[in-house]
Protein backbone atom coordinates (compact mmCIF):
# COMPACT_ATOMS: atom_id res chain seq x y z
CA MET A 1 7.62 7.88 -90.47
CA LYS A 2 8.56 3.94 -90.53
CA ILE A 3 9.15 1.88 -86.94
CA SER A 4 11.01 -0.32 -85.95
CA CYS A 5 8.95 -3.30 -85.00
CA LYS A 6 10.13 -3.02 -81.26
CA GLU A 7 8.61 -0.06 -80.80
CA ALA A 8 5.20 -0.93 -82.99
CA SER A 9 5.52 -3.78 -79.88
CA CYS A 10 5.56 -1.32 -77.65
CA ILE A 11 2.34 0.54 -79.03
CA CYS A 12 0.65 -2.86 -79.82
CA ASP A 13 0.79 -2.93 -75.63
CA LYS A 14 -0.04 0.77 -74.88
CA SER A 15 -2.69 0.66 -76.85
CA GLN A 16 -4.02 -2.37 -75.31
CA TYR A 17 -3.99 -0.68 -72.13
CA LYS A 18 -5.35 2.60 -73.79
CA GLU A 19 -2.33 4.32 -73.47
CA ALA A 20 -1.68 4.95 -76.80
CA THR A 21 -1.81 8.15 -78.76
CA LEU A 22 -3.86 8.38 -81.99
CA TRP A 23 0.14 9.59 -84.02
CA ASP A 24 0.87 5.89 -82.37
CA ILE A 25 -2.11 4.39 -83.45
CA ILE A 26 -1.87 5.83 -86.73
CA LYS A 27 2.37 4.45 -87.13
CA LEU A 28 1.60 0.48 -85.64
CA ARG A 29 -1.62 0.93 -88.25
CA LEU A 30 0.83 1.49 -91.40
CA HIS A 31 3.29 -0.74 -89.46
CA LEU A 32 0.38 -3.86 -89.34
CA LEU A 33 -0.18 -3.34 -93.30
CA TYR A 34 3.92 -4.26 -94.26
CA CYS A 35 5.04 -6.41 -91.42
CA LYS A 36 2.89 -10.05 -90.99
CA VAL A 37 5.23 -11.14 -87.65
CA CYS A 38 3.42 -7.80 -85.75
CA ARG A 39 -0.18 -7.69 -87.18
CA GLY A 40 0.58 -11.75 -85.58
CA TYR A 41 1.11 -10.52 -82.47
CA SER A 42 -1.02 -7.66 -82.53
CA LYS A 43 -4.01 -10.14 -82.73
CA LYS A 44 -2.96 -11.84 -80.42
CA ASN A 45 -3.01 -8.71 -78.63
CA GLU A 46 -6.02 -7.94 -78.67
CA GLU A 47 -7.38 -12.06 -78.36
CA LEU A 48 -5.48 -11.46 -74.35
CA THR A 49 -6.81 -8.34 -74.03
CA SER A 50 -10.97 -9.97 -74.72
CA LEU A 51 -10.27 -12.86 -72.69
CA CYS A 52 -9.27 -10.27 -69.45
CA ASP A 53 -12.50 -8.66 -70.08
CA ARG A 54 -14.88 -11.47 -70.36
CA ALA A 55 -12.63 -13.09 -67.14
CA GLY A 56 -13.81 -10.12 -65.23
CA LEU A 57 -10.13 -8.72 -64.00
CA THR A 58 -9.45 -5.37 -62.65
CA MET A 59 -6.38 -3.74 -62.20
CA LEU A 60 -5.47 -2.10 -58.30
CA SER A 61 -5.89 1.04 -57.40
CA GLU A 62 -2.58 2.98 -56.99
CA ASP A 63 -3.48 3.47 -53.90
CA ASP A 64 -3.76 -0.01 -53.02
CA LYS A 65 -0.52 -0.45 -55.38
CA LYS A 66 1.35 2.39 -53.01
CA LYS A 67 -0.32 0.13 -49.64
CA MET A 68 0.88 -3.12 -50.71
CA LYS A 69 4.47 -2.03 -52.20
CA ARG A 70 4.76 -0.36 -48.54
CA GLU A 71 3.59 -3.38 -46.37
CA LEU A 72 5.96 -5.66 -48.15
CA GLU A 73 9.32 -3.41 -47.90
CA GLU A 74 8.35 -3.30 -43.87
CA LYS A 75 8.24 -7.50 -44.26
CA LEU A 76 11.66 -7.31 -45.86
């Protein structure tokens, strides 16, 4: 049940983008109970997410990403 800090940071990043499973979140929460460093990392991630939300940043759609990739490949 105990996870490494590396795994905790990975789960934290997934959680930021709402890609973490419930089980991942439970493991992360348990890890954060005893790891001060990861608690700090998690807090910074939450702040970053909040700033991005307030700035109204959006992501490209999958179609737009594919189109951009094709255009870049053509120019190279």
